[in-house]
C-alpha atoms as a PDB file:
ATOM      1  CA  UNK A   1       1.102  -5.114  18.283  1.00  0.00           C
ATOM      2  CA  UNK A   2      -1.311  -4.898  15.357  1.00  0.00           C
ATOM      3  CA  UNK A   3       0.074  -4.799  11.825  1.00  0.00           C
ATOM      4  CA  UNK A   4      -1.654  -3.645   8.672  1.00  0.00           C
ATOM      5  CA  UNK A   5      -1.376  -4.502   4.990  1.00  0.00           C
ATOM      6  CA  UNK A   6      -2.427  -1.644   2.725  1.00  0.00           C
ATOM      7  CA  UNK A   7      -2.898  -0.767  -0.928  1.00  0.00           C
ATOM      8  CA  UNK A   8      -2.212   2.749  -2.195  1.00  0.00           C
ATOM      9  CA  UNK A   9      -3.357   4.239  -5.491  1.00  0.00           C
ATOM     10  CA  UNK A  10      -1.953   7.072  -7.602  1.00  0.00           C
ATOM     11  CA  UNK A  11      -1.677   8.209 -11.202  1.00  0.00           C
ATOM     12  CA  UNK A  12       1.458   8.930 -13.213  1.00  0.00           C
ATOM     13  CA  UNK A  13       1.309  10.185 -16.783  1.00  0.00           C
ATOM     14  CA  UNK A  14      -2.402   9.357 -16.870  1.00  0.00           C
ATOM     15  CA  UNK A  15      -1.834   5.709 -15.907  1.00  0.00           C
ATOM     16  CA  UNK A  16      -3.141   4.292 -12.625  1.00  0.00           C
ATOM     17  CA  UNK A  17      -0.591   2.752 -10.253  1.00  0.00           C
ATOM     18  CA  UNK A  18      -0.879   0.778  -7.047  1.00  0.00           C
ATOM     19  CA  UNK A  19       1.538   0.050  -4.233  1.00  0.00           C
ATOM     20  CA  UNK A  20       1.221  -2.670  -1.567  1.00  0.00           C
ATOM     21  CA  UNK A  21       2.974  -2.506   1.797  1.00  0.00           C
ATOM     22  CA  UNK A  22       2.678  -3.302   5.489  1.00  0.00           C
ATOM     23  CA  UNK A  23       3.048  -1.165   8.612  1.00  0.00           C
ATOM     24  CA  UNK A  24       2.108  -0.780  12.262  1.00  0.00           C
ATOM     25  CA  UNK A  25       0.805   2.795  11.763  1.00  0.00           C
ATOM     26  CA  UNK A  26      -1.295   3.493   8.648  1.00  0.00           C
ATOM     27  CA  UNK A  27      -1.482   7.286   8.997  1.00  0.00           C
ATOM     28  CA  UNK A  28       2.266   7.710   9.544  1.00  0.00           C
ATOM     29  CA  UNK A  29       3.097   5.441   6.615  1.00  0.00           C
ATOM     30  CA  UNK A  30       0.762   7.232   4.186  1.00  0.00           C
ATOM     31  CA  UNK A  31       2.312  10.556   5.224  1.00  0.00           C
ATOM     32  CA  UNK A  32       5.790   9.135   4.592  1.00  0.00           C
ATOM     33  CA  UNK A  33       4.810   7.987   1.097  1.00  0.00           C
ATOM     34  CA  UNK A  34       3.311  11.387   0.236  1.00  0.00           C
ATOM     35  CA  UNK A  35       6.315  13.290   1.653  1.00  0.00           C
ATOM     36  CA  UNK A  36       8.790  11.301  -0.436  1.00  0.00           C
ATOM     37  CA  UNK A  37      10.327   9.445   2.508  1.00  0.00           C
ATOM     38  CA  UNK A  38       8.498   6.154   1.920  1.00  0.00           C
ATOM     39  CA  UNK A  39       9.448   3.479  -0.591  1.00  0.00           C
ATOM     40  CA  UNK A  40      11.406   4.646  -3.638  1.00  0.00           C
ATOM     41  CA  UNK A  41       8.575   3.584  -5.986  1.00  0.00           C
ATOM     42  CA  UNK A  42       6.131   5.966  -4.291  1.00  0.00           C
ATOM     43  CA  UNK A  43       8.289   9.090  -4.461  1.00  0.00           C
ATOM     44  CA  UNK A  44       7.032  12.011  -6.510  1.00  0.00           C
ATOM     45  CA  UNK A  45       3.350  11.138  -6.417  1.00  0.00           C
ATOM     46  CA  UNK A  46       0.257  11.769  -4.345  1.00  0.00           C
ATOM     47  CA  UNK A  47      -1.048   8.536  -2.890  1.00  0.00           C
ATOM     48  CA  UNK A  48      -4.467   7.606  -1.519  1.00  0.00           C
ATOM     49  CA  UNK A  49      -5.123   4.555   0.638  1.00  0.00           C
ATOM     50  CA  UNK A  50      -7.756   2.426  -1.083  1.00  0.00           C
ATOM     51  CA  UNK A  51      -7.602  -0.750   1.020  1.00  0.00           C
ATOM     52  CA  UNK A  52      -6.278  -1.988   4.373  1.00  0.00           C
ATOM     53  CA  UNK A  53      -6.408  -5.194   6.407  1.00  0.00           C
ATOM     54  CA  UNK A  54      -5.470  -5.687  10.081  1.00  0.00           C
ATOM     55  CA  UNK A  55      -3.394  -8.627  11.367  1.00  0.00           C
ATOM     56  CA  UNK A  56      -2.271  -9.713  14.815  1.00  0.00           C
ATOM     57  CA  UNK A  57       1.338 -10.507  13.885  1.00  0.00           C
ATOM     58  CA  UNK A  58       4.031  -9.146  11.608  1.00  0.00           C
ATOM     59  CA  UNK A  59       4.415 -12.539   9.909  1.00  0.00           C
ATOM     60  CA  UNK A  60       0.719 -12.666   8.980  1.00  0.00           C
ATOM     61  CA  UNK A  61       0.882  -9.149   7.529  1.00  0.00           C
ATOM     62  CA  UNK A  62       4.055  -9.845   5.565  1.00  0.00           C
ATOM     63  CA  UNK A  63       2.593 -13.067   4.176  1.00  0.00           C
ATOM     64  CA  UNK A  64      -0.553 -11.272   3.013  1.00  0.00           C
ATOM     65  CA  UNK A  65       1.548  -8.436   1.522  1.00  0.00           C
ATOM     66  CA  UNK A  66       3.488 -10.989  -0.526  1.00  0.00           C
ATOM     67  CA  UNK A  67       0.219 -12.416  -1.861  1.00  0.00           C
ATOM     68  CA  UNK A  68      -1.327  -9.020  -2.701  1.00  0.00           C
ATOM     69  CA  UNK A  69       1.794  -7.844  -4.524  1.00  0.00           C
ATOM     70  CA  UNK A  70       1.295 -10.733  -6.938  1.00  0.00           C
ATOM     71  CA  UNK A  71      -2.481 -10.361  -7.273  1.00  0.00           C
ATOM     72  CA  UNK A  72      -2.721  -7.676  -9.980  1.00  0.00           C
ATOM     73  CA  UNK A  73      -6.313  -8.621 -10.753  1.00  0.00           C
ATOM     74  CA  UNK A  74      -7.460  -7.720  -7.239  1.00  0.00           C
ATOM     75  CA  UNK A  75      -5.558  -4.413  -7.297  1.00  0.00           C
ATOM     76  CA  UNK A  76      -7.163  -3.568 -10.637  1.00  0.00           C
ATOM     77  CA  UNK A  77     -10.602  -4.243  -9.130  1.00  0.00           C
ATOM     78  CA  UNK A  78      -9.763  -1.985  -6.171  1.00  0.00           C
ATOM     79  CA  UNK A  79      -8.870   0.830  -8.592  1.00  0.00           C
ATOM     80  CA  UNK A  80     -12.340   0.795 -10.179  1.00  0.00           C
END
C-alpha cells in the first residue's frame, strides 16, 4: 500500500502556517483537515496541499515526515 507525506499551507491572523503529515489517501486527508476532523493544529483553517511525496512503506513515509517537520527552511521555501 502506497503512503504519502504531505505539506499543507494556510494563513492565520495574516501569518503563514504549514503542517506536515502522512497518509494513505491524500484527498480524504485534506478533506478531514478542512472539515475540522484532522489534526487539532489544523482545525479552524482552510488548508491547501502544497507538496506531496509517495513512498512504498509506512515506515519510509513516517521517517520522511519526521525529517520535514524539523526542516522549517524547506517549508518556508515551499510557501513562496
